[in-house]
């Protein structure tokens, strides 16, 4: 039974989430502030985390950073009342895998949980490294090195780059990237994806003659072989 940590300071909402997860066959456990959430993450080793932003003692964004140091592979879904694009990008840049706006649609939440748990079970074991051209991708540390230079990527940038690399030169449309990197086709705008592609190009390609990240006009993006 998969363990899901709920970190939410509104007890009534946390209890409702707890009951919904239990009905769907998961083992949920709760923390009502950031400090207890961090302790629970360390001790209980959850398979997935549901995390509020505005928490007592340690806020959600700071918690994500701590979680990613302890275990960079655990899926994290943020639950928040803030629905603007800046808040979403801040969540993704800090390491969130997805972002749900309150009030919560529980059918959507359960669907996303299933996607992330299935995806995480398919990941290669930690410390696996992928080599291509002058690039090394370390799946254990979630890091990228190009021509012996460490490239500092945010968690979402890393996930996007890794997804494109796994395509092995095949084109990924914006819709496909929204579905598989953000897990929500309708919650991520094409502009958001363009912004993240530009982030990657500035970090991975800008200082090098050989450009890895390519655009196929009208279709999407791919990694040059």
N, C-alpha and C. Protein backbone atom coordinates (compact mmCIF):
# COMPACT_ATOMS: atom_id res chain seq x y z
N UNK A 1 0.84 -1.19 0.00
CA UNK A 1 0.00 0.00 0.00
C UNK A 1 0.88 1.25 0.00
N UNK A 2 0.66 2.15 -0.95
CA UNK A 2 1.49 3.34 -1.08
C UNK A 2 1.18 4.35 0.03
N UNK A 3 2.25 4.91 0.60
CA UNK A 3 2.11 5.87 1.69
C UNK A 3 2.11 7.30 1.14
N UNK A 4 1.13 8.09 1.57
CA UNK A 4 1.01 9.48 1.11
C UNK A 4 0.98 10.40 2.32
N UNK A 5 1.91 11.33 2.36
CA UNK A 5 1.99 12.31 3.43
C UNK A 5 1.19 13.55 3.07
N UNK A 6 0.24 13.92 3.93
CA UNK A 6 -0.57 15.12 3.75
C UNK A 6 -0.06 16.17 4.73
N UNK A 7 0.43 17.30 4.20
CA UNK A 7 0.89 18.39 5.07
C UNK A 7 -0.03 19.57 4.80
N UNK A 8 -0.98 19.76 5.69
CA UNK A 8 -2.04 20.76 5.53
C UNK A 8 -2.47 21.22 6.91
N UNK A 9 -2.44 22.54 7.17
CA UNK A 9 -2.76 23.03 8.51
C UNK A 9 -4.25 23.19 8.76
N UNK A 10 -5.09 23.13 7.72
CA UNK A 10 -6.54 23.15 7.91
C UNK A 10 -6.99 21.72 8.20
N UNK A 11 -7.28 21.44 9.47
CA UNK A 11 -7.53 20.05 9.87
C UNK A 11 -8.73 19.43 9.16
N UNK A 12 -9.80 20.21 8.99
CA UNK A 12 -10.99 19.66 8.33
C UNK A 12 -10.67 19.22 6.91
N UNK A 13 -9.95 20.08 6.18
CA UNK A 13 -9.57 19.73 4.82
C UNK A 13 -8.63 18.53 4.81
N UNK A 14 -7.67 18.53 5.72
CA UNK A 14 -6.73 17.42 5.81
C UNK A 14 -7.45 16.10 6.07
N UNK A 15 -8.45 16.15 6.95
CA UNK A 15 -9.22 14.93 7.26
C UNK A 15 -10.00 14.43 6.05
N UNK A 16 -10.57 15.37 5.28
CA UNK A 16 -11.32 14.98 4.08
C UNK A 16 -10.37 14.32 3.07
N UNK A 17 -9.20 14.94 2.87
CA UNK A 17 -8.21 14.36 1.95
C UNK A 17 -7.80 12.97 2.44
N UNK A 18 -7.55 12.87 3.74
CA UNK A 18 -7.16 11.59 4.34
C UNK A 18 -8.19 10.51 4.02
N UNK A 19 -9.47 10.83 4.22
CA UNK A 19 -10.53 9.84 4.01
C UNK A 19 -10.64 9.45 2.53
N UNK A 20 -10.50 10.44 1.63
CA UNK A 20 -10.57 10.14 0.20
C UNK A 20 -9.43 9.22 -0.23
N UNK A 21 -8.25 9.49 0.28
CA UNK A 21 -7.10 8.65 -0.07
C UNK A 21 -7.28 7.23 0.46
N UNK A 22 -7.78 7.14 1.69
CA UNK A 22 -7.99 5.82 2.30
C UNK A 22 -9.01 5.02 1.49
N UNK A 23 -10.09 5.69 1.04
CA UNK A 23 -11.11 5.01 0.23
C UNK A 23 -10.55 4.49 -1.09
N UNK A 24 -9.51 5.14 -1.57
CA UNK A 24 -8.91 4.76 -2.85
C UNK A 24 -7.73 3.81 -2.71
N UNK A 25 -7.55 3.28 -1.51
CA UNK A 25 -6.57 2.22 -1.34
C UNK A 25 -5.17 2.67 -0.96
N UNK A 26 -5.03 3.92 -0.51
CA UNK A 26 -3.71 4.41 -0.10
C UNK A 26 -3.61 4.44 1.42
N UNK A 27 -2.37 4.57 1.91
CA UNK A 27 -2.13 4.71 3.35
C UNK A 27 -1.72 6.16 3.62
N UNK A 28 -2.69 7.02 3.98
CA UNK A 28 -2.38 8.43 4.21
C UNK A 28 -1.99 8.69 5.67
N UNK A 29 -1.08 9.63 5.87
CA UNK A 29 -0.80 10.10 7.22
C UNK A 29 -0.60 11.60 7.18
N UNK A 30 -0.85 12.27 8.31
CA UNK A 30 -1.01 13.72 8.32
C UNK A 30 0.03 14.44 9.18
N UNK A 31 0.33 15.67 8.74
CA UNK A 31 1.11 16.62 9.54
C UNK A 31 0.44 17.98 9.39
N UNK A 32 0.37 18.74 10.48
CA UNK A 32 -0.40 19.97 10.46
C UNK A 32 0.45 21.24 10.49
N UNK A 33 1.76 21.09 10.44
CA UNK A 33 2.64 22.24 10.25
C UNK A 33 3.91 21.76 9.54
N UNK A 34 4.71 22.72 9.09
CA UNK A 34 5.88 22.38 8.31
C UNK A 34 6.93 21.59 9.07
N UNK A 35 7.08 21.90 10.34
CA UNK A 35 8.09 21.21 11.15
C UNK A 35 7.75 19.73 11.31
N UNK A 36 6.48 19.45 11.62
CA UNK A 36 6.04 18.06 11.74
C UNK A 36 6.08 17.36 10.38
N UNK A 37 5.81 18.13 9.32
CA UNK A 37 5.88 17.56 7.98
C UNK A 37 7.27 17.08 7.64
N UNK A 38 8.28 17.86 8.02
CA UNK A 38 9.67 17.49 7.74
C UNK A 38 10.06 16.25 8.53
N UNK A 39 9.64 16.19 9.79
CA UNK A 39 9.93 15.01 10.63
C UNK A 39 9.26 13.77 10.04
N UNK A 40 8.00 13.91 9.63
CA UNK A 40 7.27 12.78 9.05
C UNK A 40 7.91 12.31 7.75
N UNK A 41 8.37 13.25 6.94
CA UNK A 41 9.01 12.89 5.68
C UNK A 41 10.27 12.07 5.93
N UNK A 42 11.06 12.49 6.91
CA UNK A 42 12.30 11.78 7.23
C UNK A 42 12.02 10.38 7.78
N UNK A 43 11.04 10.31 8.69
CA UNK A 43 10.83 9.06 9.42
C UNK A 43 9.96 8.05 8.68
N UNK A 44 8.93 8.55 7.99
CA UNK A 44 7.95 7.65 7.38
C UNK A 44 8.26 7.30 5.92
N UNK A 45 9.12 8.10 5.27
CA UNK A 45 9.52 7.84 3.88
C UNK A 45 8.31 7.61 2.96
N UNK A 46 7.52 8.67 2.74
CA UNK A 46 6.31 8.52 1.92
C UNK A 46 6.65 8.28 0.45
N UNK A 47 5.67 7.70 -0.26
CA UNK A 47 5.80 7.51 -1.70
C UNK A 47 5.38 8.75 -2.48
N UNK A 48 4.60 9.63 -1.84
CA UNK A 48 4.14 10.87 -2.47
C UNK A 48 3.74 11.84 -1.38
N UNK A 49 3.86 13.15 -1.67
CA UNK A 49 3.53 14.19 -0.69
C UNK A 49 2.49 15.14 -1.27
N UNK A 50 1.46 15.44 -0.48
CA UNK A 50 0.51 16.52 -0.78
C UNK A 50 0.83 17.66 0.18
N UNK A 51 1.11 18.84 -0.36
CA UNK A 51 1.72 19.89 0.45
C UNK A 51 1.03 21.24 0.25
N UNK A 52 0.60 21.84 1.35
CA UNK A 52 0.06 23.21 1.32
C UNK A 52 1.23 24.19 1.26
N UNK A 53 0.95 25.41 0.79
CA UNK A 53 1.99 26.43 0.70
C UNK A 53 2.14 27.17 2.02
N UNK A 54 1.04 27.75 2.51
CA UNK A 54 1.09 28.57 3.72
C UNK A 54 0.94 27.69 4.96
N UNK A 55 2.07 27.29 5.52
CA UNK A 55 2.08 26.42 6.68
C UNK A 55 2.75 27.10 7.87
N UNK A 56 2.33 26.80 9.09
CA UNK A 56 3.05 27.31 10.27
C UNK A 56 4.45 26.70 10.35
N UNK A 57 5.37 27.46 10.91
CA UNK A 57 6.74 27.03 11.24
C UNK A 57 7.66 26.93 10.03
N UNK A 58 7.31 26.14 9.02
CA UNK A 58 8.11 26.08 7.79
C UNK A 58 7.14 26.11 6.62
N UNK A 59 7.32 27.07 5.70
CA UNK A 59 6.37 27.15 4.58
C UNK A 59 6.63 26.06 3.54
N UNK A 60 5.65 25.90 2.65
CA UNK A 60 5.71 24.81 1.68
C UNK A 60 6.91 24.86 0.76
N UNK A 61 7.28 26.06 0.30
CA UNK A 61 8.40 26.18 -0.63
C UNK A 61 9.72 25.76 0.04
N UNK A 62 9.90 26.17 1.29
CA UNK A 62 11.12 25.78 2.01
C UNK A 62 11.14 24.28 2.29
N UNK A 63 9.95 23.73 2.55
CA UNK A 63 9.87 22.29 2.78
C UNK A 63 10.31 21.49 1.56
N UNK A 64 9.85 21.93 0.38
CA UNK A 64 10.22 21.22 -0.85
C UNK A 64 11.74 21.14 -0.98
N UNK A 65 12.41 22.25 -0.73
CA UNK A 65 13.87 22.27 -0.84
C UNK A 65 14.51 21.23 0.08
N UNK A 66 13.98 21.14 1.31
CA UNK A 66 14.51 20.14 2.25
C UNK A 66 14.20 18.73 1.79
N UNK A 67 12.98 18.53 1.28
CA UNK A 67 12.60 17.19 0.79
C UNK A 67 13.51 16.74 -0.35
N UNK A 68 13.83 17.67 -1.25
CA UNK A 68 14.63 17.31 -2.42
C UNK A 68 16.06 16.94 -2.04
N UNK A 69 16.55 17.49 -0.92
CA UNK A 69 17.87 17.09 -0.43
C UNK A 69 17.81 15.68 0.15
N UNK A 70 16.74 15.39 0.89
CA UNK A 70 16.60 14.07 1.54
C UNK A 70 16.33 12.98 0.50
N UNK A 71 15.38 13.25 -0.40
CA UNK A 71 15.02 12.29 -1.45
C UNK A 71 14.50 13.05 -2.66
N UNK A 72 15.30 13.19 -3.70
CA UNK A 72 14.89 13.99 -4.86
C UNK A 72 13.84 13.34 -5.74
N UNK A 73 13.48 12.09 -5.47
CA UNK A 73 12.61 11.35 -6.38
C UNK A 73 11.15 11.26 -5.94
N UNK A 74 10.82 11.69 -4.73
CA UNK A 74 9.44 11.58 -4.25
C UNK A 74 8.56 12.62 -4.94
N UNK A 75 7.45 12.21 -5.58
CA UNK A 75 6.55 13.19 -6.21
C UNK A 75 5.91 14.10 -5.16
N UNK A 76 5.83 15.39 -5.48
CA UNK A 76 5.23 16.38 -4.58
C UNK A 76 4.17 17.16 -5.34
N UNK A 77 2.94 17.13 -4.82
CA UNK A 77 1.83 17.90 -5.39
C UNK A 77 1.46 19.00 -4.41
N UNK A 78 1.51 20.24 -4.86
CA UNK A 78 1.17 21.36 -3.99
C UNK A 78 -0.33 21.64 -4.06
N UNK A 79 -0.92 21.95 -2.90
CA UNK A 79 -2.33 22.29 -2.79
C UNK A 79 -2.41 23.72 -2.27
N UNK A 80 -2.99 24.62 -3.05
CA UNK A 80 -2.96 26.02 -2.66
C UNK A 80 -4.12 26.80 -3.24
N UNK A 81 -4.41 27.94 -2.62
CA UNK A 81 -5.47 28.82 -3.12
C UNK A 81 -4.95 29.78 -4.18
N UNK A 82 -3.62 29.82 -4.39
CA UNK A 82 -3.03 30.76 -5.34
C UNK A 82 -2.98 30.14 -6.73
N UNK A 83 -3.71 30.73 -7.69
CA UNK A 83 -3.80 30.15 -9.01
C UNK A 83 -3.10 30.91 -10.11
N UNK A 84 -2.37 31.98 -9.78
CA UNK A 84 -1.71 32.77 -10.82
C UNK A 84 -0.49 32.05 -11.35
N UNK A 85 -0.09 32.40 -12.57
CA UNK A 85 1.01 31.71 -13.24
C UNK A 85 2.33 31.90 -12.51
N UNK A 86 2.55 33.06 -11.88
CA UNK A 86 3.80 33.28 -11.14
C UNK A 86 3.93 32.32 -9.97
N UNK A 87 2.81 32.09 -9.26
CA UNK A 87 2.84 31.15 -8.14
C UNK A 87 3.10 29.73 -8.62
N UNK A 88 2.51 29.37 -9.76
CA UNK A 88 2.74 28.03 -10.31
C UNK A 88 4.21 27.84 -10.68
N UNK A 89 4.78 28.83 -11.36
CA UNK A 89 6.17 28.71 -11.78
C UNK A 89 7.10 28.69 -10.58
N UNK A 90 6.76 29.45 -9.53
CA UNK A 90 7.56 29.42 -8.31
C UNK A 90 7.53 28.03 -7.69
N UNK A 91 6.35 27.41 -7.69
CA UNK A 91 6.23 26.06 -7.15
C UNK A 91 7.06 25.08 -7.95
N UNK A 92 6.96 25.14 -9.28
CA UNK A 92 7.73 24.23 -10.13
C UNK A 92 9.24 24.46 -9.96
N UNK A 93 9.64 25.73 -9.89
CA UNK A 93 11.06 26.04 -9.76
C UNK A 93 11.64 25.56 -8.43
N UNK A 94 10.78 25.51 -7.41
CA UNK A 94 11.25 25.04 -6.11
C UNK A 94 11.22 23.52 -5.98
N UNK A 95 10.66 22.85 -6.99
CA UNK A 95 10.73 21.40 -6.98
C UNK A 95 9.41 20.66 -6.95
N UNK A 96 8.28 21.38 -7.01
CA UNK A 96 6.98 20.69 -7.05
C UNK A 96 6.82 19.97 -8.38
N UNK A 97 6.16 18.83 -8.34
CA UNK A 97 5.87 18.09 -9.57
C UNK A 97 4.54 18.51 -10.17
N UNK A 98 3.63 18.97 -9.33
CA UNK A 98 2.34 19.43 -9.83
C UNK A 98 1.74 20.40 -8.83
N UNK A 99 0.59 20.98 -9.22
CA UNK A 99 0.06 22.14 -8.51
C UNK A 99 -1.45 22.11 -8.67
N UNK A 100 -2.18 21.92 -7.57
CA UNK A 100 -3.64 21.91 -7.61
C UNK A 100 -4.20 23.09 -6.83
N UNK A 101 -5.21 23.72 -7.41
CA UNK A 101 -5.81 24.90 -6.79
C UNK A 101 -7.03 24.49 -5.97
N UNK A 102 -7.12 25.00 -4.75
CA UNK A 102 -8.29 24.76 -3.90
C UNK A 102 -9.47 25.60 -4.43
N UNK A 103 -10.73 25.11 -4.27
CA UNK A 103 -11.13 23.83 -3.68
C UNK A 103 -10.72 22.66 -4.55
N UNK A 104 -10.39 21.57 -3.91
CA UNK A 104 -9.80 20.43 -4.60
C UNK A 104 -10.87 19.59 -5.29
N UNK A 105 -10.61 19.27 -6.54
CA UNK A 105 -11.41 18.28 -7.27
C UNK A 105 -10.77 16.92 -7.00
N UNK A 106 -11.45 16.09 -6.22
CA UNK A 106 -10.82 14.85 -5.76
C UNK A 106 -10.63 13.83 -6.88
N UNK A 107 -11.49 13.86 -7.89
CA UNK A 107 -11.26 12.97 -9.03
C UNK A 107 -9.95 13.33 -9.73
N UNK A 108 -9.72 14.64 -9.88
CA UNK A 108 -8.48 15.10 -10.50
C UNK A 108 -7.28 14.75 -9.62
N UNK A 109 -7.42 14.94 -8.32
CA UNK A 109 -6.33 14.64 -7.39
C UNK A 109 -5.95 13.17 -7.45
N UNK A 110 -6.93 12.29 -7.38
CA UNK A 110 -6.64 10.85 -7.41
C UNK A 110 -6.01 10.46 -8.74
N UNK A 111 -6.50 11.06 -9.84
CA UNK A 111 -5.92 10.77 -11.16
C UNK A 111 -4.45 11.16 -11.21
N UNK A 112 -4.13 12.33 -10.67
CA UNK A 112 -2.74 12.79 -10.68
C UNK A 112 -1.86 11.91 -9.79
N UNK A 113 -2.39 11.52 -8.64
CA UNK A 113 -1.64 10.64 -7.74
C UNK A 113 -1.29 9.33 -8.46
N UNK A 114 -2.26 8.76 -9.16
CA UNK A 114 -2.01 7.51 -9.89
C UNK A 114 -0.92 7.69 -10.94
N UNK A 115 -0.98 8.83 -11.65
CA UNK A 115 0.02 9.11 -12.69
C UNK A 115 1.42 9.18 -12.08
N UNK A 116 1.56 9.95 -11.00
CA UNK A 116 2.89 10.16 -10.42
C UNK A 116 3.43 8.90 -9.76
N UNK A 117 2.58 8.14 -9.11
CA UNK A 117 3.06 6.90 -8.49
C UNK A 117 3.46 5.88 -9.55
N UNK A 118 2.71 5.82 -10.64
CA UNK A 118 3.07 4.91 -11.73
C UNK A 118 4.39 5.35 -12.36
N UNK A 119 4.52 6.67 -12.56
CA UNK A 119 5.73 7.19 -13.19
C UNK A 119 6.95 6.96 -12.30
N UNK A 120 6.82 7.20 -11.00
CA UNK A 120 7.97 7.05 -10.11
C UNK A 120 8.40 5.60 -10.00
N UNK A 121 7.45 4.66 -10.13
CA UNK A 121 7.80 3.24 -10.07
C UNK A 121 8.54 2.79 -11.31
N UNK A 122 8.43 3.58 -12.40
CA UNK A 122 9.09 3.22 -13.66
C UNK A 122 10.47 3.86 -13.80
N UNK A 123 10.84 4.78 -12.87
CA UNK A 123 12.12 5.45 -12.98
C UNK A 123 13.26 4.45 -12.81
N UNK A 124 14.38 4.65 -13.49
CA UNK A 124 15.55 3.80 -13.25
C UNK A 124 16.04 3.96 -11.82
N UNK A 125 16.80 2.99 -11.37
CA UNK A 125 17.33 3.06 -10.01
C UNK A 125 18.26 4.25 -9.87
N UNK A 126 18.40 4.71 -8.62
CA UNK A 126 19.26 5.86 -8.36
C UNK A 126 20.70 5.57 -8.79
N UNK A 127 21.41 6.64 -9.07
CA UNK A 127 22.82 6.61 -9.46
C UNK A 127 23.02 6.13 -10.90
N UNK A 128 21.93 5.89 -11.64
CA UNK A 128 22.06 5.60 -13.06
C UNK A 128 22.44 6.88 -13.79
N UNK A 129 23.38 6.75 -14.71
CA UNK A 129 23.82 7.92 -15.48
C UNK A 129 23.59 7.68 -16.96
N UNK A 130 23.13 8.73 -17.63
CA UNK A 130 22.91 8.68 -19.07
C UNK A 130 23.97 9.54 -19.74
N UNK A 131 24.66 9.00 -20.73
CA UNK A 131 25.69 9.73 -21.46
C UNK A 131 25.25 9.89 -22.91
N UNK A 132 25.31 11.10 -23.44
CA UNK A 132 25.15 11.31 -24.87
C UNK A 132 25.88 12.59 -25.26
N UNK A 133 26.55 12.52 -26.41
CA UNK A 133 27.41 13.63 -26.84
C UNK A 133 28.34 14.02 -25.69
N UNK A 134 28.34 15.32 -25.34
CA UNK A 134 29.19 15.78 -24.23
C UNK A 134 28.39 16.01 -22.96
N UNK A 135 27.24 15.34 -22.85
CA UNK A 135 26.32 15.55 -21.72
C UNK A 135 26.24 14.29 -20.86
N UNK A 136 26.22 14.50 -19.54
CA UNK A 136 25.96 13.43 -18.58
C UNK A 136 24.75 13.83 -17.74
N UNK A 137 23.75 12.95 -17.68
CA UNK A 137 22.59 13.16 -16.83
C UNK A 137 22.65 12.14 -15.70
N UNK A 138 22.74 12.62 -14.47
CA UNK A 138 22.78 11.75 -13.29
C UNK A 138 21.38 11.70 -12.69
N UNK A 139 20.71 10.55 -12.81
CA UNK A 139 19.34 10.41 -12.33
C UNK A 139 19.27 10.31 -10.82
N UNK A 140 20.35 9.91 -10.19
CA UNK A 140 20.37 9.82 -8.73
C UNK A 140 20.41 11.18 -8.07
N UNK A 141 21.26 12.06 -8.60
CA UNK A 141 21.41 13.40 -8.01
C UNK A 141 20.60 14.45 -8.75
N UNK A 142 19.91 14.04 -9.83
CA UNK A 142 19.12 14.97 -10.65
C UNK A 142 20.00 16.13 -11.13
N UNK A 143 21.16 15.80 -11.67
CA UNK A 143 22.09 16.83 -12.13
C UNK A 143 22.50 16.59 -13.57
N UNK A 144 22.94 17.67 -14.23
CA UNK A 144 23.37 17.62 -15.63
C UNK A 144 24.76 18.24 -15.74
N UNK A 145 25.65 17.56 -16.46
CA UNK A 145 26.99 18.07 -16.73
C UNK A 145 27.19 18.10 -18.24
N UNK A 146 27.67 19.23 -18.75
CA UNK A 146 27.99 19.30 -20.18
C UNK A 146 29.43 19.75 -20.35
N UNK A 147 30.19 18.96 -21.08
CA UNK A 147 31.60 19.26 -21.33
C UNK A 147 32.33 19.57 -20.01
N UNK A 148 32.05 18.73 -18.99
CA UNK A 148 32.66 18.84 -17.66
C UNK A 148 32.23 20.08 -16.88
N UNK A 149 31.18 20.76 -17.35
CA UNK A 149 30.64 21.93 -16.64
C UNK A 149 29.30 21.56 -16.04
N UNK A 150 29.14 21.78 -14.73
CA UNK A 150 27.88 21.47 -14.06
C UNK A 150 26.83 22.50 -14.46
N UNK A 151 25.68 22.03 -14.93
CA UNK A 151 24.57 22.90 -15.33
C UNK A 151 23.55 22.92 -14.21
N UNK A 152 23.29 24.09 -13.66
CA UNK A 152 22.37 24.21 -12.52
C UNK A 152 20.93 24.34 -13.01
N UNK A 153 20.18 23.23 -12.96
CA UNK A 153 18.79 23.22 -13.39
C UNK A 153 17.86 23.13 -12.19
N UNK A 154 16.69 23.78 -12.30
CA UNK A 154 15.65 23.59 -11.29
C UNK A 154 15.05 22.19 -11.49
N UNK A 155 14.34 21.66 -10.50
CA UNK A 155 13.74 20.33 -10.66
C UNK A 155 12.84 20.21 -11.90
N UNK A 156 12.04 21.22 -12.18
CA UNK A 156 11.16 21.15 -13.35
C UNK A 156 11.95 21.23 -14.65
N UNK A 157 12.99 22.04 -14.69
CA UNK A 157 13.85 22.10 -15.87
C UNK A 157 14.51 20.75 -16.11
N UNK A 158 14.98 20.12 -15.03
CA UNK A 158 15.60 18.80 -15.16
C UNK A 158 14.61 17.79 -15.71
N UNK A 159 13.40 17.80 -15.18
CA UNK A 159 12.39 16.84 -15.63
C UNK A 159 12.06 17.04 -17.11
N UNK A 160 11.95 18.30 -17.53
CA UNK A 160 11.67 18.60 -18.93
C UNK A 160 12.81 18.13 -19.84
N UNK A 161 14.03 18.43 -19.45
CA UNK A 161 15.19 18.03 -20.26
C UNK A 161 15.29 16.50 -20.33
N UNK A 162 15.13 15.85 -19.20
CA UNK A 162 15.20 14.39 -19.16
C UNK A 162 14.12 13.76 -20.04
N UNK A 163 12.92 14.33 -20.02
CA UNK A 163 11.85 13.79 -20.86
C UNK A 163 12.21 13.89 -22.34
N UNK A 164 12.74 15.05 -22.75
CA UNK A 164 13.13 15.23 -24.14
C UNK A 164 14.26 14.25 -24.52
N UNK A 165 15.21 14.06 -23.63
CA UNK A 165 16.31 13.13 -23.89
C UNK A 165 15.78 11.71 -24.08
N UNK A 166 14.82 11.30 -23.24
CA UNK A 166 14.25 9.95 -23.35
C UNK A 166 13.55 9.72 -24.68
N UNK A 167 13.13 10.79 -25.33
CA UNK A 167 12.45 10.66 -26.64
C UNK A 167 13.43 10.25 -27.74
N UNK A 168 14.72 10.37 -27.48
CA UNK A 168 15.77 9.92 -28.40
C UNK A 168 15.62 10.52 -29.80
N UNK A 169 15.46 11.84 -29.84
CA UNK A 169 15.40 12.53 -31.12
C UNK A 169 14.02 12.70 -31.70
N UNK A 170 13.02 12.03 -31.11
CA UNK A 170 11.65 12.20 -31.59
C UNK A 170 11.06 13.50 -31.07
N UNK A 171 10.17 14.09 -31.84
CA UNK A 171 9.59 15.39 -31.48
C UNK A 171 8.53 15.21 -30.39
N UNK A 172 8.55 16.11 -29.40
CA UNK A 172 7.52 16.16 -28.36
C UNK A 172 6.73 17.45 -28.53
N UNK A 173 5.42 17.33 -28.71
CA UNK A 173 4.57 18.52 -28.84
C UNK A 173 4.38 19.19 -27.49
N UNK A 174 3.89 20.41 -27.51
CA UNK A 174 3.61 21.11 -26.25
C UNK A 174 2.54 20.37 -25.45
N UNK A 175 1.55 19.81 -26.15
CA UNK A 175 0.50 19.05 -25.47
C UNK A 175 1.08 17.82 -24.77
N UNK A 176 2.00 17.14 -25.44
CA UNK A 176 2.64 15.96 -24.84
C UNK A 176 3.46 16.35 -23.62
N UNK A 177 4.18 17.46 -23.72
CA UNK A 177 4.99 17.91 -22.58
C UNK A 177 4.10 18.31 -21.41
N UNK A 178 2.98 18.98 -21.70
CA UNK A 178 2.05 19.35 -20.63
C UNK A 178 1.51 18.11 -19.93
N UNK A 179 1.20 17.07 -20.70
CA UNK A 179 0.66 15.83 -20.13
C UNK A 179 1.69 15.07 -19.31
N UNK A 180 2.92 15.03 -19.79
CA UNK A 180 3.91 14.12 -19.20
C UNK A 180 4.90 14.78 -18.25
N UNK A 181 5.17 16.06 -18.43
CA UNK A 181 6.09 16.75 -17.52
C UNK A 181 5.32 17.50 -16.44
N UNK A 182 4.20 18.11 -16.84
CA UNK A 182 3.37 18.83 -15.87
C UNK A 182 2.14 18.02 -15.45
N UNK A 183 1.84 16.95 -16.18
CA UNK A 183 0.70 16.07 -15.89
C UNK A 183 -0.64 16.80 -15.94
N UNK A 184 -0.72 17.89 -16.69
CA UNK A 184 -1.99 18.61 -16.82
C UNK A 184 -2.00 19.41 -18.12
N UNK A 185 -2.68 18.88 -19.13
CA UNK A 185 -2.70 19.55 -20.43
C UNK A 185 -3.37 20.92 -20.34
N UNK A 186 -4.43 21.04 -19.54
CA UNK A 186 -5.23 22.26 -19.58
C UNK A 186 -4.81 23.28 -18.51
N UNK A 187 -3.92 22.89 -17.61
CA UNK A 187 -3.50 23.82 -16.58
C UNK A 187 -2.19 24.52 -16.89
N UNK A 188 -1.52 24.10 -17.97
CA UNK A 188 -0.24 24.70 -18.35
C UNK A 188 -0.39 25.30 -19.74
N UNK A 189 -0.07 26.58 -19.87
CA UNK A 189 -0.23 27.25 -21.15
C UNK A 189 0.97 26.96 -22.06
N UNK A 190 0.77 27.07 -23.39
CA UNK A 190 1.90 26.93 -24.30
C UNK A 190 3.03 27.90 -23.98
N UNK A 191 2.67 29.10 -23.50
CA UNK A 191 3.68 30.08 -23.15
C UNK A 191 4.57 29.59 -22.01
N UNK A 192 3.98 28.91 -21.03
CA UNK A 192 4.77 28.37 -19.92
C UNK A 192 5.83 27.40 -20.43
N UNK A 193 5.43 26.53 -21.35
CA UNK A 193 6.37 25.55 -21.91
C UNK A 193 7.46 26.26 -22.71
N UNK A 194 7.09 27.27 -23.49
CA UNK A 194 8.08 28.04 -24.24
C UNK A 194 9.09 28.69 -23.30
N UNK A 195 8.59 29.22 -22.19
CA UNK A 195 9.47 29.86 -21.21
C UNK A 195 10.49 28.85 -20.67
N UNK A 196 10.03 27.65 -20.33
CA UNK A 196 10.93 26.64 -19.78
C UNK A 196 11.92 26.12 -20.83
N UNK A 197 11.49 26.02 -22.08
CA UNK A 197 12.42 25.64 -23.15
C UNK A 197 13.51 26.70 -23.27
N UNK A 198 13.13 27.97 -23.18
CA UNK A 198 14.13 29.05 -23.24
C UNK A 198 15.08 28.99 -22.04
N UNK A 199 14.54 28.67 -20.86
CA UNK A 199 15.40 28.50 -19.69
C UNK A 199 16.46 27.42 -19.98
N UNK A 200 16.01 26.29 -20.53
CA UNK A 200 16.93 25.20 -20.82
C UNK A 200 17.98 25.61 -21.85
N UNK A 201 17.54 26.29 -22.90
CA UNK A 201 18.49 26.71 -23.94
C UNK A 201 19.54 27.66 -23.37
N UNK A 202 19.12 28.57 -22.51
CA UNK A 202 20.07 29.51 -21.93
C UNK A 202 21.10 28.80 -21.05
N UNK A 203 20.69 27.73 -20.40
CA UNK A 203 21.59 27.03 -19.49
C UNK A 203 22.41 25.94 -20.17
N UNK A 204 21.79 25.23 -21.11
CA UNK A 204 22.45 24.06 -21.69
C UNK A 204 23.13 24.36 -23.02
N UNK A 205 22.57 25.27 -23.82
CA UNK A 205 23.07 25.49 -25.18
C UNK A 205 23.82 26.80 -25.40
N UNK A 206 23.51 27.81 -24.62
CA UNK A 206 23.97 29.17 -24.92
C UNK A 206 25.48 29.27 -25.07
N UNK A 207 26.23 28.61 -24.22
CA UNK A 207 27.69 28.74 -24.21
C UNK A 207 28.39 27.73 -25.11
N UNK A 208 27.60 26.96 -25.88
CA UNK A 208 28.20 25.90 -26.70
C UNK A 208 27.80 26.06 -28.16
N UNK A 209 28.73 25.73 -29.04
CA UNK A 209 28.47 25.83 -30.49
C UNK A 209 27.42 24.82 -30.93
N UNK A 210 27.51 23.60 -30.41
CA UNK A 210 26.59 22.53 -30.77
C UNK A 210 25.30 22.68 -29.97
N UNK A 211 24.20 23.02 -30.63
CA UNK A 211 22.92 23.25 -29.96
C UNK A 211 22.14 21.93 -29.87
N UNK A 212 21.81 21.54 -28.65
CA UNK A 212 21.16 20.26 -28.41
C UNK A 212 19.64 20.36 -28.55
N UNK A 213 19.05 21.40 -28.00
CA UNK A 213 17.59 21.53 -27.95
C UNK A 213 17.10 22.20 -29.23
N UNK A 214 16.33 21.47 -30.01
CA UNK A 214 15.89 21.95 -31.32
C UNK A 214 14.38 22.10 -31.36
N UNK A 215 13.91 23.00 -32.26
CA UNK A 215 12.48 23.20 -32.49
C UNK A 215 12.12 22.72 -33.89
N UNK A 216 11.05 21.97 -33.99
CA UNK A 216 10.47 21.64 -35.30
C UNK A 216 9.21 22.48 -35.43
N UNK A 217 9.28 23.53 -36.24
CA UNK A 217 8.22 24.53 -36.33
C UNK A 217 6.85 23.88 -36.56
N UNK A 218 5.90 24.27 -35.72
CA UNK A 218 4.55 23.76 -35.85
C UNK A 218 4.31 22.41 -35.21
N UNK A 219 5.38 21.77 -34.71
CA UNK A 219 5.23 20.43 -34.14
C UNK A 219 5.67 20.37 -32.67
N UNK A 220 6.86 20.88 -32.35
CA UNK A 220 7.32 20.81 -30.97
C UNK A 220 8.83 20.86 -30.86
N UNK A 221 9.37 20.11 -29.90
CA UNK A 221 10.79 20.19 -29.57
C UNK A 221 11.41 18.79 -29.56
N UNK A 222 12.72 18.75 -29.82
CA UNK A 222 13.43 17.48 -29.78
C UNK A 222 14.90 17.72 -29.45
N UNK A 223 15.58 16.65 -29.07
CA UNK A 223 17.01 16.70 -28.78
C UNK A 223 17.78 16.23 -30.00
N UNK A 224 18.70 17.06 -30.47
CA UNK A 224 19.49 16.72 -31.66
C UNK A 224 20.36 15.51 -31.38
N UNK A 225 20.38 14.56 -32.30
CA UNK A 225 21.18 13.34 -32.11
C UNK A 225 22.58 13.54 -32.67
